[in-house]
Amino acid sequence: MSDLNDPRVFFAAERTLMAWNRTGLTLLAFGFVMERFGLFLHMLHVKPRGLGRDFSFWIGVAFILLGLAVEVYSVIQYRRVLRTLRPVEIPERYATWGGIAANLTVVALGGALLVYLFSEF
């Protein structure tokens, strides 16, 4: 439990949550690009050595799943930090759910992206 009685502790936790949100979004985007790169090679009739599009598809899906895991884990960590703070450390009438809602929205949209990718496969 924090003994600082300072709202800056809460805002630092919220900034950390948003940094993890950006990291998760980056992993999702990179995964999507990896998956589409294999499709691009397939459309150009380039036969890459090895596994080709199938391999890039699964690598892309792995990055997307990693991004989703980062988003979910960051929400869990943020909630753990919130439980350690005293009411004086959270500004009055400040909505603590905004960052959580942003991360969970990314998770929902990332799940929709996975459904889309598997429906094309």
PDB file of N, CA and C in Angstrom:
ATOM      1  N   MET A   1       0.846  -1.193   0.000  1.00  0.00           N
ATOM      2  CA  MET A   1       0.000   0.000   0.000  1.00  0.00           C
ATOM      3  C   MET A   1       0.880   1.241   0.000  1.00  0.00           C
ATOM      4  N   SER A   2       0.516   2.198  -0.765  1.00  0.00           N
ATOM      5  CA  SER A   2       1.283   3.435  -0.881  1.00  0.00           C
ATOM      6  C   SER A   2       1.025   4.340   0.319  1.00  0.00           C
ATOM      7  N   ASP A   3       2.054   5.036   0.747  1.00  0.00           N
ATOM      8  CA  ASP A   3       1.918   5.984   1.854  1.00  0.00           C
ATOM      9  C   ASP A   3       2.213   7.410   1.410  1.00  0.00           C
ATOM     10  N   LEU A   4       2.206   7.652   0.120  1.00  0.00           N
ATOM     11  CA  LEU A   4       2.581   8.970  -0.369  1.00  0.00           C
ATOM     12  C   LEU A   4       1.441   9.974  -0.322  1.00  0.00           C
ATOM     13  N   ASN A   5       0.197   9.517  -0.350  1.00  0.00           N
ATOM     14  CA  ASN A   5      -0.971  10.401  -0.371  1.00  0.00           C
ATOM     15  C   ASN A   5      -0.846  11.451  -1.490  1.00  0.00           C
ATOM     16  N   ASP A   6      -0.374  11.015  -2.625  1.00  0.00           N
ATOM     17  CA  ASP A   6      -0.096  11.909  -3.739  1.00  0.00           C
ATOM     18  C   ASP A   6      -0.771  11.357  -4.994  1.00  0.00           C
ATOM     19  N   PRO A   7      -1.617  12.146  -5.656  1.00  0.00           N
ATOM     20  CA  PRO A   7      -2.281  11.643  -6.862  1.00  0.00           C
ATOM     21  C   PRO A   7      -1.322  11.345  -8.020  1.00  0.00           C
ATOM     22  N   ARG A   8      -0.084  11.822  -7.942  1.00  0.00           N
ATOM     23  CA  ARG A   8       0.869  11.530  -9.013  1.00  0.00           C
ATOM     24  C   ARG A   8       1.164  10.038  -9.123  1.00  0.00           C
ATOM     25  N   VAL A   9       1.021   9.314  -8.026  1.00  0.00           N
ATOM     26  CA  VAL A   9       1.218   7.861  -8.052  1.00  0.00           C
ATOM     27  C   VAL A   9       0.155   7.227  -8.953  1.00  0.00           C
ATOM     28  N   PHE A  10      -1.077   7.667  -8.795  1.00  0.00           N
ATOM     29  CA  PHE A  10      -2.159   7.150  -9.638  1.00  0.00           C
ATOM     30  C   PHE A  10      -1.921   7.494 -11.106  1.00  0.00           C
ATOM     31  N   PHE A  11      -1.544   8.730 -11.374  1.00  0.00           N
ATOM     32  CA  PHE A  11      -1.332   9.140 -12.760  1.00  0.00           C
ATOM     33  C   PHE A  11      -0.143   8.400 -13.379  1.00  0.00           C
ATOM     34  N   ALA A  12       0.866   8.068 -12.589  1.00  0.00           N
ATOM     35  CA  ALA A  12       1.981   7.270 -13.102  1.00  0.00           C
ATOM     36  C   ALA A  12       1.485   5.876 -13.493  1.00  0.00           C
ATOM     37  N   ALA A  13       0.612   5.311 -12.682  1.00  0.00           N
ATOM     38  CA  ALA A  13       0.047   3.996 -13.012  1.00  0.00           C
ATOM     39  C   ALA A  13      -0.787   4.070 -14.285  1.00  0.00           C
ATOM     40  N   GLU A  14      -1.530   5.161 -14.440  1.00  0.00           N
ATOM     41  CA  GLU A  14      -2.350   5.310 -15.641  1.00  0.00           C
ATOM     42  C   GLU A  14      -1.479   5.510 -16.887  1.00  0.00           C
ATOM     43  N   ARG A  15      -0.395   6.257 -16.757  1.00  0.00           N
ATOM     44  CA  ARG A  15       0.526   6.420 -17.886  1.00  0.00           C
ATOM     45  C   ARG A  15       1.160   5.081 -18.271  1.00  0.00           C
ATOM     46  N   THR A  16       1.476   4.277 -17.270  1.00  0.00           N
ATOM     47  CA  THR A  16       2.038   2.959 -17.543  1.00  0.00           C
ATOM     48  C   THR A  16       1.026   2.089 -18.277  1.00  0.00           C
ATOM     49  N   LEU A  17      -0.227   2.150 -17.864  1.00  0.00           N
ATOM     50  CA  LEU A  17      -1.276   1.394 -18.553  1.00  0.00           C
ATOM     51  C   LEU A  17      -1.366   1.818 -20.012  1.00  0.00           C
ATOM     52  N   MET A  18      -1.317   3.105 -20.270  1.00  0.00           N
ATOM     53  CA  MET A  18      -1.417   3.583 -21.645  1.00  0.00           C
ATOM     54  C   MET A  18      -0.167   3.233 -22.458  1.00  0.00           C
ATOM     55  N   ALA A  19       0.994   3.170 -21.810  1.00  0.00           N
ATOM     56  CA  ALA A  19       2.200   2.734 -22.521  1.00  0.00           C
ATOM     57  C   ALA A  19       2.068   1.268 -22.931  1.00  0.00           C
ATOM     58  N   TRP A  20       1.522   0.451 -22.061  1.00  0.00           N
ATOM     59  CA  TRP A  20       1.286  -0.946 -22.410  1.00  0.00           C
ATOM     60  C   TRP A  20       0.217  -1.062 -23.485  1.00  0.00           C
ATOM     61  N   ASN A  21      -0.739  -0.146 -23.474  1.00  0.00           N
ATOM     62  CA  ASN A  21      -1.761  -0.133 -24.523  1.00  0.00           C
ATOM     63  C   ASN A  21      -1.103   0.101 -25.880  1.00  0.00           C
ATOM     64  N   ARG A  22      -0.205   1.054 -25.956  1.00  0.00           N
ATOM     65  CA  ARG A  22       0.498   1.329 -27.212  1.00  0.00           C
ATOM     66  C   ARG A  22       1.357   0.139 -27.632  1.00  0.00           C
ATOM     67  N   THR A  23       1.985  -0.523 -26.666  1.00  0.00           N
ATOM     68  CA  THR A  23       2.790  -1.696 -26.982  1.00  0.00           C
ATOM     69  C   THR A  23       1.918  -2.806 -27.564  1.00  0.00           C
ATOM     70  N   GLY A  24       0.765  -3.046 -26.946  1.00  0.00           N
ATOM     71  CA  GLY A  24      -0.152  -4.064 -27.454  1.00  0.00           C
ATOM     72  C   GLY A  24      -0.659  -3.731 -28.843  1.00  0.00           C
ATOM     73  N   LEU A  25      -0.997  -2.472 -29.072  1.00  0.00           N
ATOM     74  CA  LEU A  25      -1.444  -2.040 -30.404  1.00  0.00           C
ATOM     75  C   LEU A  25      -0.348  -2.236 -31.451  1.00  0.00           C
ATOM     76  N   THR A  26       0.885  -1.951 -31.081  1.00  0.00           N
ATOM     77  CA  THR A  26       2.006  -2.134 -32.002  1.00  0.00           C
ATOM     78  C   THR A  26       2.174  -3.605 -32.361  1.00  0.00           C
ATOM     79  N   LEU A  27       2.069  -4.478 -31.368  1.00  0.00           N
ATOM     80  CA  LEU A  27       2.175  -5.908 -31.640  1.00  0.00           C
ATOM     81  C   LEU A  27       1.037  -6.391 -32.535  1.00  0.00           C
ATOM     82  N   LEU A  28      -0.167  -5.896 -32.288  1.00  0.00           N
ATOM     83  CA  LEU A  28      -1.301  -6.247 -33.144  1.00  0.00           C
ATOM     84  C   LEU A  28      -1.065  -5.795 -34.582  1.00  0.00           C
ATOM     85  N   ALA A  29      -0.621  -4.576 -34.739  1.00  0.00           N
ATOM     86  CA  ALA A  29      -0.384  -4.043 -36.083  1.00  0.00           C
ATOM     87  C   ALA A  29       0.731  -4.811 -36.789  1.00  0.00           C
ATOM     88  N   PHE A  30       1.794  -5.114 -36.077  1.00  0.00           N
ATOM     89  CA  PHE A  30       2.893  -5.861 -36.677  1.00  0.00           C
ATOM     90  C   PHE A  30       2.436  -7.261 -37.084  1.00  0.00           C
ATOM     91  N   GLY A  31       1.613  -7.883 -36.246  1.00  0.00           N
ATOM     92  CA  GLY A  31       1.075  -9.192 -36.589  1.00  0.00           C
ATOM     93  C   GLY A  31       0.228  -9.154 -37.844  1.00  0.00           C
ATOM     94  N   PHE A  32      -0.593  -8.123 -37.961  1.00  0.00           N
ATOM     95  CA  PHE A  32      -1.425  -7.984 -39.157  1.00  0.00           C
ATOM     96  C   PHE A  32      -0.561  -7.781 -40.397  1.00  0.00           C
ATOM     97  N   VAL A  33       0.476  -6.963 -40.275  1.00  0.00           N
ATOM     98  CA  VAL A  33       1.375  -6.731 -41.409  1.00  0.00           C
ATOM     99  C   VAL A  33       2.090  -8.021 -41.795  1.00  0.00           C
ATOM    100  N   MET A  34       2.539  -8.794 -40.811  1.00  0.00           N
ATOM    101  CA  MET A  34       3.202 -10.072 -41.109  1.00  0.00           C
ATOM    102  C   MET A  34       2.260 -11.004 -41.862  1.00  0.00           C
ATOM    103  N   GLU A  35       1.023 -11.071 -41.415  1.00  0.00           N
ATOM    104  CA  GLU A  35       0.053 -11.953 -42.070  1.00  0.00           C
ATOM    105  C   GLU A  35      -0.199 -11.489 -43.502  1.00  0.00           C
ATOM    106  N   ARG A  36      -0.356 -10.217 -43.705  1.00  0.00           N
ATOM    107  CA  ARG A  36      -0.634  -9.679 -45.038  1.00  0.00           C
ATOM    108  C   ARG A  36       0.583  -9.752 -45.957  1.00  0.00           C
ATOM    109  N   PHE A  37       1.781  -9.746 -45.405  1.00  0.00           N
ATOM    110  CA  PHE A  37       2.967  -9.846 -46.239  1.00  0.00           C
ATOM    111  C   PHE A  37       3.005 -11.198 -46.954  1.00  0.00           C
ATOM    112  N   GLY A  38       2.624 -12.260 -46.272  1.00  0.00           N
ATOM    113  CA  GLY A  38       2.555 -13.567 -46.911  1.00  0.00           C
ATOM    114  C   GLY A  38       1.535 -13.593 -48.027  1.00  0.00           C
ATOM    115  N   LEU A  39       0.411 -12.939 -47.811  1.00  0.00           N
ATOM    116  CA  LEU A  39      -0.607 -12.841 -48.853  1.00  0.00           C
ATOM    117  C   LEU A  39      -0.076 -12.042 -50.040  1.00  0.00           C
ATOM    118  N   PHE A  40       0.660 -10.975 -49.748  1.00  0.00           N
ATOM    119  CA  PHE A  40       1.255 -10.150 -50.799  1.00  0.00           C
ATOM    120  C   PHE A  40       2.215 -10.981 -51.655  1.00  0.00           C
ATOM    121  N   LEU A  41       3.063 -11.772 -51.020  1.00  0.00           N
ATOM    122  CA  LEU A  41       3.982 -12.625 -51.769  1.00  0.00           C
ATOM    123  C   LEU A  41       3.217 -13.638 -52.615  1.00  0.00           C
ATOM    124  N   HIS A  42       2.149 -14.158 -52.066  1.00  0.00           N
ATOM    125  CA  HIS A  42       1.331 -15.122 -52.797  1.00  0.00           C
ATOM    126  C   HIS A  42       0.710 -14.462 -54.037  1.00  0.00           C
ATOM    127  N   MET A  43       0.251 -13.228 -53.902  1.00  0.00           N
ATOM    128  CA  MET A  43      -0.362 -12.525 -55.025  1.00  0.00           C
ATOM    129  C   MET A  43       0.660 -12.196 -56.117  1.00  0.00           C
ATOM    130  N   LEU A  44       1.909 -11.973 -55.734  1.00  0.00           N
ATOM    131  CA  LEU A  44       2.961 -11.691 -56.711  1.00  0.00           C
ATOM    132  C   LEU A  44       3.499 -12.967 -57.352  1.00  0.00           C
ATOM    133  N   HIS A  45       2.973 -14.098 -56.942  1.00  0.00           N
ATOM    134  CA  HIS A  45       3.415 -15.401 -57.434  1.00  0.00           C
ATOM    135  C   HIS A  45       4.884 -15.643 -57.124  1.00  0.00           C
ATOM    136  N   VAL A  46       5.332 -15.051 -56.019  1.00  0.00           N
ATOM    137  CA  VAL A  46       6.683 -15.312 -55.544  1.00  0.00           C
ATOM    138  C   VAL A  46       6.604 -16.514 -54.624  1.00  0.00           C
ATOM    139  N   LYS A  47       7.397 -17.499 -54.908  1.00  0.00           N
ATOM    140  CA  LYS A  47       7.409 -18.701 -54.076  1.00  0.00           C
ATOM    141  C   LYS A  47       8.565 -18.592 -53.087  1.00  0.00           C
ATOM    142  N   PRO A  48       8.281 -18.131 -51.861  1.00  0.00           N
ATOM    143  CA  PRO A  48       9.367 -18.025 -50.887  1.00  0.00           C
ATOM    144  C   PRO A  48       9.847 -19.415 -50.484  1.00  0.00           C
ATOM    145  N   ARG A  49      11.114 -19.487 -50.169  1.00  0.00           N
ATOM    146  CA  ARG A  49      11.656 -20.747 -49.686  1.00  0.00           C
ATOM    147  C   ARG A  49      11.040 -21.056 -48.330  1.00  0.00           C
ATOM    148  N   GLY A  50      10.816 -22.292 -48.082  1.00  0.00           N
ATOM    149  CA  GLY A  50      10.270 -22.673 -46.787  1.00  0.00           C
ATOM    150  C   GLY A  50       8.763 -22.776 -46.834  1.00  0.00           C
ATOM    151  N   LEU A  51       8.144 -22.289 -45.786  1.00  0.00           N
ATOM    152  CA  LEU A  51       6.720 -22.517 -45.596  1.00  0.00           C
ATOM    153  C   LEU A  51       5.827 -21.487 -46.279  1.00  0.00           C
ATOM    154  N   GLY A  52       6.361 -20.332 -46.678  1.00  0.00           N
ATOM    155  CA  GLY A  52       5.579 -19.357 -47.426  1.00  0.00           C
ATOM    156  C   GLY A  52       4.490 -18.680 -46.617  1.00  0.00           C
ATOM    157  N   ARG A  53       3.338 -18.471 -47.267  1.00  0.00           N
ATOM    158  CA  ARG A  53       2.238 -17.720 -46.664  1.00  0.00           C
ATOM    159  C   ARG A  53       1.736 -18.369 -45.391  1.00  0.00           C
ATOM    160  N   ASP A  54       1.685 -19.665 -45.365  1.00  0.00           N
ATOM    161  CA  ASP A  54       1.198 -20.328 -44.157  1.00  0.00           C
ATOM    162  C   ASP A  54       2.039 -19.965 -42.944  1.00  0.00           C
ATOM    163  N   PHE A  55       3.340 -19.922 -43.135  1.00  0.00           N
ATOM    164  CA  PHE A  55       4.222 -19.577 -42.028  1.00  0.00           C
ATOM    165  C   PHE A  55       4.015 -18.134 -41.589  1.00  0.00           C
ATOM    166  N   SER A  56       3.916 -17.216 -42.546  1.00  0.00           N
ATOM    167  CA  SER A  56       3.715 -15.811 -42.183  1.00  0.00           C
ATOM    168  C   SER A  56       2.351 -15.620 -41.535  1.00  0.00           C
ATOM    169  N   PHE A  57       1.362 -16.409 -41.944  1.00  0.00           N
ATOM    170  CA  PHE A  57       0.041 -16.331 -41.316  1.00  0.00           C
ATOM    171  C   PHE A  57       0.141 -16.666 -39.836  1.00  0.00           C
ATOM    172  N   TRP A  58       0.811 -17.771 -39.529  1.00  0.00           N
ATOM    173  CA  TRP A  58       0.892 -18.198 -38.126  1.00  0.00           C
ATOM    174  C   TRP A  58       1.783 -17.292 -37.288  1.00  0.00           C
ATOM    175  N   ILE A  59       2.835 -16.754 -37.879  1.00  0.00           N
ATOM    176  CA  ILE A  59       3.665 -15.781 -37.158  1.00  0.00           C
ATOM    177  C   ILE A  59       2.842 -14.526 -36.869  1.00  0.00           C
ATOM    178  N   GLY A  60       2.085 -14.060 -37.863  1.00  0.00           N
ATOM    179  CA  GLY A  60       1.229 -12.897 -37.664  1.00  0.00           C
ATOM    180  C   GLY A  60       0.193 -13.126 -36.586  1.00  0.00           C
ATOM    181  N   VAL A  61      -0.432 -14.301 -36.600  1.00  0.00           N
ATOM    182  CA  VAL A  61      -1.419 -14.636 -35.572  1.00  0.00           C
ATOM    183  C   VAL A  61      -0.759 -14.677 -34.194  1.00  0.00           C
ATOM    184  N   ALA A  62       0.458 -15.199 -34.126  1.00  0.00           N
ATOM    185  CA  ALA A  62       1.168 -15.239 -32.841  1.00  0.00           C
ATOM    186  C   ALA A  62       1.426 -13.829 -32.307  1.00  0.00           C
ATOM    187  N   PHE A  63       1.823 -12.901 -33.188  1.00  0.00           N
ATOM    188  CA  PHE A  63       2.026 -11.520 -32.747  1.00  0.00           C
ATOM    189  C   PHE A  63       0.711 -10.881 -32.303  1.00  0.00           C
ATOM    190  N   ILE A  64      -0.366 -11.163 -33.009  1.00  0.00           N
ATOM    191  CA  ILE A  64      -1.668 -10.616 -32.621  1.00  0.00           C
ATOM    192  C   ILE A  64      -2.072 -11.156 -31.249  1.00  0.00           C
ATOM    193  N   LEU A  65      -1.894 -12.458 -31.037  1.00  0.00           N
ATOM    194  CA  LEU A  65      -2.222 -13.049 -29.735  1.00  0.00           C
ATOM    195  C   LEU A  65      -1.341 -12.473 -28.626  1.00  0.00           C
ATOM    196  N   LEU A  66      -0.075 -12.230 -28.937  1.00  0.00           N
ATOM    197  CA  LEU A  66       0.813 -11.606 -27.952  1.00  0.00           C
ATOM    198  C   LEU A  66       0.329 -10.200 -27.613  1.00  0.00           C
ATOM    199  N   GLY A  67      -0.094  -9.446 -28.623  1.00  0.00           N
ATOM    200  CA  GLY A  67      -0.630  -8.105 -28.375  1.00  0.00           C
ATOM    201  C   GLY A  67      -1.875  -8.143 -27.511  1.00  0.00           C
ATOM    202  N   LEU A  68      -2.757  -9.104 -27.761  1.00  0.00           N
ATOM    203  CA  LEU A  68      -3.965  -9.247 -26.940  1.00  0.00           C
ATOM    204  C   LEU A  68      -3.611  -9.618 -25.506  1.00  0.00           C
ATOM    205  N   ALA A  69      -2.631 -10.499 -25.346  1.00  0.00           N
ATOM    206  CA  ALA A  69      -2.207 -10.891 -24.000  1.00  0.00           C
ATOM    207  C   ALA A  69      -1.622  -9.702 -23.240  1.00  0.00           C
ATOM    208  N   VAL A  70      -0.845  -8.868 -23.929  1.00  0.00           N
ATOM    209  CA  VAL A  70      -0.272  -7.671 -23.301  1.00  0.00           C
ATOM    210  C   VAL A  70      -1.383  -6.738 -22.844  1.00  0.00           C
ATOM    211  N   GLU A  71      -2.400  -6.563 -23.677  1.00  0.00           N
ATOM    212  CA  GLU A  71      -3.521  -5.679 -23.319  1.00  0.00           C
ATOM    213  C   GLU A  71      -4.251  -6.193 -22.074  1.00  0.00           C
ATOM    214  N   VAL A  72      -4.538  -7.481 -22.044  1.00  0.00           N
ATOM    215  CA  VAL A  72      -5.269  -8.050 -20.908  1.00  0.00           C
ATOM    216  C   VAL A  72      -4.420  -7.999 -19.639  1.00  0.00           C
ATOM    217  N   TYR A  73      -3.149  -8.374 -19.762  1.00  0.00           N
ATOM    218  CA  TYR A  73      -2.277  -8.378 -18.591  1.00  0.00           C
ATOM    219  C   TYR A  73      -2.087  -6.974 -18.027  1.00  0.00           C
ATOM    220  N   SER A  74      -2.013  -5.972 -18.896  1.00  0.00           N
ATOM    221  CA  SER A  74      -1.835  -4.603 -18.410  1.00  0.00           C
ATOM    222  C   SER A  74      -3.060  -4.139 -17.615  1.00  0.00           C
ATOM    223  N   VAL A  75      -4.248  -4.558 -18.031  1.00  0.00           N
ATOM    224  CA  VAL A  75      -5.448  -4.216 -17.265  1.00  0.00           C
ATOM    225  C   VAL A  75      -5.404  -4.876 -15.886  1.00  0.00           C
ATOM    226  N   ILE A  76      -4.983  -6.132 -15.853  1.00  0.00           N
ATOM    227  CA  ILE A  76      -4.889  -6.840 -14.563  1.00  0.00           C
ATOM    228  C   ILE A  76      -3.898  -6.140 -13.646  1.00  0.00           C
ATOM    229  N   GLN A  77      -2.736  -5.768 -14.176  1.00  0.00           N
ATOM    230  CA  GLN A  77      -1.737  -5.081 -13.364  1.00  0.00           C
ATOM    231  C   GLN A  77      -2.235  -3.722 -12.874  1.00  0.00           C
ATOM    232  N   TYR A  78      -2.895  -2.990 -13.734  1.00  0.00           N
ATOM    233  CA  TYR A  78      -3.419  -1.673 -13.372  1.00  0.00           C
ATOM    234  C   TYR A  78      -4.437  -1.792 -12.238  1.00  0.00           C
ATOM    235  N   ARG A  79      -5.306  -2.781 -12.360  1.00  0.00           N
ATOM    236  CA  ARG A  79      -6.311  -2.973 -11.301  1.00  0.00           C
ATOM    237  C   ARG A  79      -5.655  -3.352  -9.979  1.00  0.00           C
ATOM    238  N   ARG A  80      -4.577  -4.124 -10.042  1.00  0.00           N
ATOM    239  CA  ARG A  80      -3.839  -4.468  -8.817  1.00  0.00           C
ATOM    240  C   ARG A  80      -3.269  -3.213  -8.167  1.00  0.00           C
ATOM    241  N   VAL A  81      -2.722  -2.325  -8.982  1.00  0.00           N
ATOM    242  CA  VAL A  81      -2.163  -1.078  -8.446  1.00  0.00           C
ATOM    243  C   VAL A  81      -3.277  -0.220  -7.856  1.00  0.00           C
ATOM    244  N   LEU A  82      -4.414  -0.132  -8.530  1.00  0.00           N
ATOM    245  CA  LEU A  82      -5.527   0.679  -8.011  1.00  0.00           C
ATOM    246  C   LEU A  82      -5.978   0.200  -6.638  1.00  0.00           C
ATOM    247  N   ARG A  83      -5.948  -1.104  -6.432  1.00  0.00           N
ATOM    248  CA  ARG A  83      -6.381  -1.632  -5.126  1.00  0.00           C
ATOM    249  C   ARG A  83      -5.437  -1.234  -3.992  1.00  0.00           C
ATOM    250  N   THR A  84      -4.187  -0.905  -4.323  1.00  0.00           N
ATOM    251  CA  THR A  84      -3.233  -0.522  -3.279  1.00  0.00           C
ATOM    252  C   THR A  84      -3.299   0.963  -2.936  1.00  0.00           C
ATOM    253  N   LEU A  85      -3.987   1.746  -3.757  1.00  0.00           N
ATOM    254  CA  LEU A  85      -4.032   3.191  -3.534  1.00  0.00           C
ATOM    255  C   LEU A  85      -5.143   3.570  -2.559  1.00  0.00           C
ATOM    256  N   ARG A  86      -4.883   4.603  -1.827  1.00  0.00           N
ATOM    257  CA  ARG A  86      -5.898   5.151  -0.922  1.00  0.00           C
ATOM    258  C   ARG A  86      -6.772   6.140  -1.691  1.00  0.00           C
ATOM    259  N   PRO A  87      -7.977   6.384  -1.216  1.00  0.00           N
ATOM    260  CA  PRO A  87      -8.857   7.346  -1.917  1.00  0.00           C
ATOM    261  C   PRO A  87      -8.235   8.730  -2.093  1.00  0.00           C
ATOM    262  N   VAL A  88      -7.377   9.157  -1.176  1.00  0.00           N
ATOM    263  CA  VAL A  88      -6.765  10.478  -1.284  1.00  0.00           C
ATOM    264  C   VAL A  88      -5.783  10.533  -2.469  1.00  0.00           C
ATOM    265  N   GLU A  89      -5.320   9.386  -2.925  1.00  0.00           N
ATOM    266  CA  GLU A  89      -4.362   9.352  -4.022  1.00  0.00           C
ATOM    267  C   GLU A  89      -5.028   9.365  -5.399  1.00  0.00           C
ATOM    268  N   ILE A  90      -6.328   9.203  -5.436  1.00  0.00           N
ATOM    269  CA  ILE A  90      -7.078   9.266  -6.689  1.00  0.00           C
ATOM    270  C   ILE A  90      -7.890  10.559  -6.664  1.00  0.00           C
ATOM    271  N   PRO A  91      -7.718  11.413  -7.670  1.00  0.00           N
ATOM    272  CA  PRO A  91      -8.453  12.681  -7.672  1.00  0.00           C
ATOM    273  C   PRO A  91      -9.964  12.458  -7.571  1.00  0.00           C
ATOM    274  N   GLU A  92     -10.591  13.341  -6.845  1.00  0.00           N
ATOM    275  CA  GLU A  92     -12.031  13.233  -6.622  1.00  0.00           C
ATOM    276  C   GLU A  92     -12.792  13.285  -7.950  1.00  0.00           C
ATOM    277  N   ARG A  93     -13.754  12.401  -8.102  1.00  0.00           N
ATOM    278  CA  ARG A  93     -14.626  12.275  -9.285  1.00  0.00           C
ATOM    279  C   ARG A  93     -13.863  11.967 -10.575  1.00  0.00           C
ATOM    280  N   TYR A  94     -12.660  11.423 -10.450  1.00  0.00           N
ATOM    281  CA  TYR A  94     -11.882  11.038 -11.629  1.00  0.00           C
ATOM    282  C   TYR A  94     -12.271   9.613 -12.015  1.00  0.00           C
ATOM    283  N   ALA A  95     -12.600   9.406 -13.260  1.00  0.00           N
ATOM    284  CA  ALA A  95     -13.018   8.082 -13.727  1.00  0.00           C
ATOM    285  C   ALA A  95     -11.788   7.209 -13.963  1.00  0.00           C
ATOM    286  N   THR A  96     -11.646   6.176 -13.171  1.00  0.00           N
ATOM    287  CA  THR A  96     -10.503   5.275 -13.307  1.00  0.00           C
ATOM    288  C   THR A  96     -10.732   4.210 -14.370  1.00  0.00           C
ATOM    289  N   TRP A  97     -11.911   4.148 -14.933  1.00  0.00           N
ATOM    290  CA  TRP A  97     -12.243   3.088 -15.886  1.00  0.00           C
ATOM    291  C   TRP A  97     -11.884   3.430 -17.321  1.00  0.00           C
ATOM    292  N   GLY A  98     -11.489   4.649 -17.617  1.00  0.00           N
ATOM    293  CA  GLY A  98     -11.215   5.062 -18.996  1.00  0.00           C
ATOM    294  C   GLY A  98     -10.099   4.266 -19.656  1.00  0.00           C
ATOM    295  N   GLY A  99      -8.980   4.129 -18.967  1.00  0.00           N
ATOM    296  CA  GLY A  99      -7.868   3.363 -19.520  1.00  0.00           C
ATOM    297  C   GLY A  99      -8.208   1.888 -19.668  1.00  0.00           C
ATOM    298  N   ILE A 100      -8.936   1.368 -18.702  1.00  0.00           N
ATOM    299  CA  ILE A 100      -9.361  -0.036 -18.768  1.00  0.00           C
ATOM    300  C   ILE A 100     -10.284  -0.236 -19.963  1.00  0.00           C
ATOM    301  N   ALA A 101     -11.206   0.688 -20.170  1.00  0.00           N
ATOM    302  CA  ALA A 101     -12.128   0.584 -21.302  1.00  0.00           C
ATOM    303  C   ALA A 101     -11.370   0.639 -22.633  1.00  0.00           C
ATOM    304  N   ALA A 102     -10.353   1.487 -22.703  1.00  0.00           N
ATOM    305  CA  ALA A 102      -9.564   1.577 -23.938  1.00  0.00           C
ATOM    306  C   ALA A 102      -8.859   0.255 -24.225  1.00  0.00           C
ATOM    307  N   ASN A 103      -8.239  -0.327 -23.210  1.00  0.00           N
ATOM    308  CA  ASN A 103      -7.537  -1.594 -23.407  1.00  0.00           C
ATOM    309  C   ASN A 103      -8.493  -2.721 -23.768  1.00  0.00           C
ATOM    310  N   LEU A 104      -9.626  -2.788 -23.103  1.00  0.00           N
ATOM    311  CA  LEU A 104     -10.569  -3.861 -23.396  1.00  0.00           C
ATOM    312  C   LEU A 104     -11.214  -3.689 -24.771  1.00  0.00           C
ATOM    313  N   THR A 105     -11.351  -2.452 -25.225  1.00  0.00           N
ATOM    314  CA  THR A 105     -11.842  -2.213 -26.584  1.00  0.00           C
ATOM    315  C   THR A 105     -10.833  -2.715 -27.609  1.00  0.00           C
ATOM    316  N   VAL A 106      -9.550  -2.486 -27.346  1.00  0.00           N
ATOM    317  CA  VAL A 106      -8.513  -3.007 -28.233  1.00  0.00           C
ATOM    318  C   VAL A 106      -8.551  -4.535 -28.253  1.00  0.00           C
ATOM    319  N   VAL A 107      -8.777  -5.149 -27.097  1.00  0.00           N
ATOM    320  CA  VAL A 107      -8.870  -6.611 -27.035  1.00  0.00           C
ATOM    321  C   VAL A 107     -10.050  -7.102 -27.881  1.00  0.00           C
ATOM    322  N   ALA A 108     -11.193  -6.446 -27.759  1.00  0.00           N
ATOM    323  CA  ALA A 108     -12.371  -6.856 -28.526  1.00  0.00           C
ATOM    324  C   ALA A 108     -12.126  -6.695 -30.028  1.00  0.00           C
ATOM    325  N   LEU A 109     -11.542  -5.580 -30.428  1.00  0.00           N
ATOM    326  CA  LEU A 109     -11.272  -5.360 -31.843  1.00  0.00           C
ATOM    327  C   LEU A 109     -10.173  -6.298 -32.359  1.00  0.00           C
ATOM    328  N   GLY A 110      -9.192  -6.591 -31.532  1.00  0.00           N
ATOM    329  CA  GLY A 110      -8.165  -7.559 -31.914  1.00  0.00           C
ATOM    330  C   GLY A 110      -8.746  -8.951 -32.083  1.00  0.00           C
ATOM    331  N   GLY A 111      -9.698  -9.310 -31.220  1.00  0.00           N
ATOM    332  CA  GLY A 111     -10.389 -10.589 -31.381  1.00  0.00           C
ATOM    333  C   GLY A 111     -11.182 -10.619 -32.676  1.00  0.00           C
ATOM    334  N   ALA A 112     -11.813  -9.502 -33.007  1.00  0.00           N
ATOM    335  CA  ALA A 112     -12.548  -9.419 -34.274  1.00  0.00           C
ATOM    336  C   ALA A 112     -11.590  -9.545 -35.458  1.00  0.00           C
ATOM    337  N   LEU A 113     -10.393  -8.976 -35.338  1.00  0.00           N
ATOM    338  CA  LEU A 113      -9.384  -9.104 -36.380  1.00  0.00           C
ATOM    339  C   LEU A 113      -8.982 -10.566 -36.574  1.00  0.00           C
ATOM    340  N   LEU A 114      -8.812 -11.292 -35.479  1.00  0.00           N
ATOM    341  CA  LEU A 114      -8.478 -12.711 -35.584  1.00  0.00           C
ATOM    342  C   LEU A 114      -9.593 -13.504 -36.261  1.00  0.00           C
ATOM    343  N   VAL A 115     -10.827 -13.193 -35.891  1.00  0.00           N
ATOM    344  CA  VAL A 115     -11.955 -13.874 -36.530  1.00  0.00           C
ATOM    345  C   VAL A 115     -11.955 -13.597 -38.031  1.00  0.00           C
ATOM    346  N   TYR A 116     -11.694 -12.365 -38.405  1.00  0.00           N
ATOM    347  CA  TYR A 116     -11.626 -11.990 -39.825  1.00  0.00           C
ATOM    348  C   TYR A 116     -10.519 -12.749 -40.538  1.00  0.00           C
ATOM    349  N   LEU A 117      -9.339 -12.807 -39.930  1.00  0.00           N
ATOM    350  CA  LEU A 117      -8.214 -13.487 -40.567  1.00  0.00           C
ATOM    351  C   LEU A 117      -8.484 -14.976 -40.741  1.00  0.00           C
ATOM    352  N   PHE A 118      -9.098 -15.589 -39.742  1.00  0.00           N
ATOM    353  CA  PHE A 118      -9.393 -17.028 -39.844  1.00  0.00           C
ATOM    354  C   PHE A 118     -10.545 -17.306 -40.799  1.00  0.00           C
ATOM    355  N   SER A 119     -11.421 -16.329 -40.980  1.00  0.00           N
ATOM    356  CA  SER A 119     -12.527 -16.549 -41.929  1.00  0.00           C
ATOM    357  C   SER A 119     -12.032 -16.494 -43.369  1.00  0.00           C
ATOM    358  N   GLU A 120     -10.922 -15.795 -43.618  1.00  0.00           N
ATOM    359  CA  GLU A 120     -10.325 -15.733 -44.944  1.00  0.00           C
ATOM    360  C   GLU A 120      -9.428 -16.920 -45.229  1.00  0.00           C
ATOM    361  N   PHE A 121      -8.939 -17.568 -44.211  1.00  0.00           N
ATOM    362  CA  PHE A 121      -7.965 -18.631 -44.348  1.00  0.00           C
ATOM    363  C   PHE A 121      -8.640 -19.821 -44.920  1.00  0.00           C
TER     364      PHE A 121
END
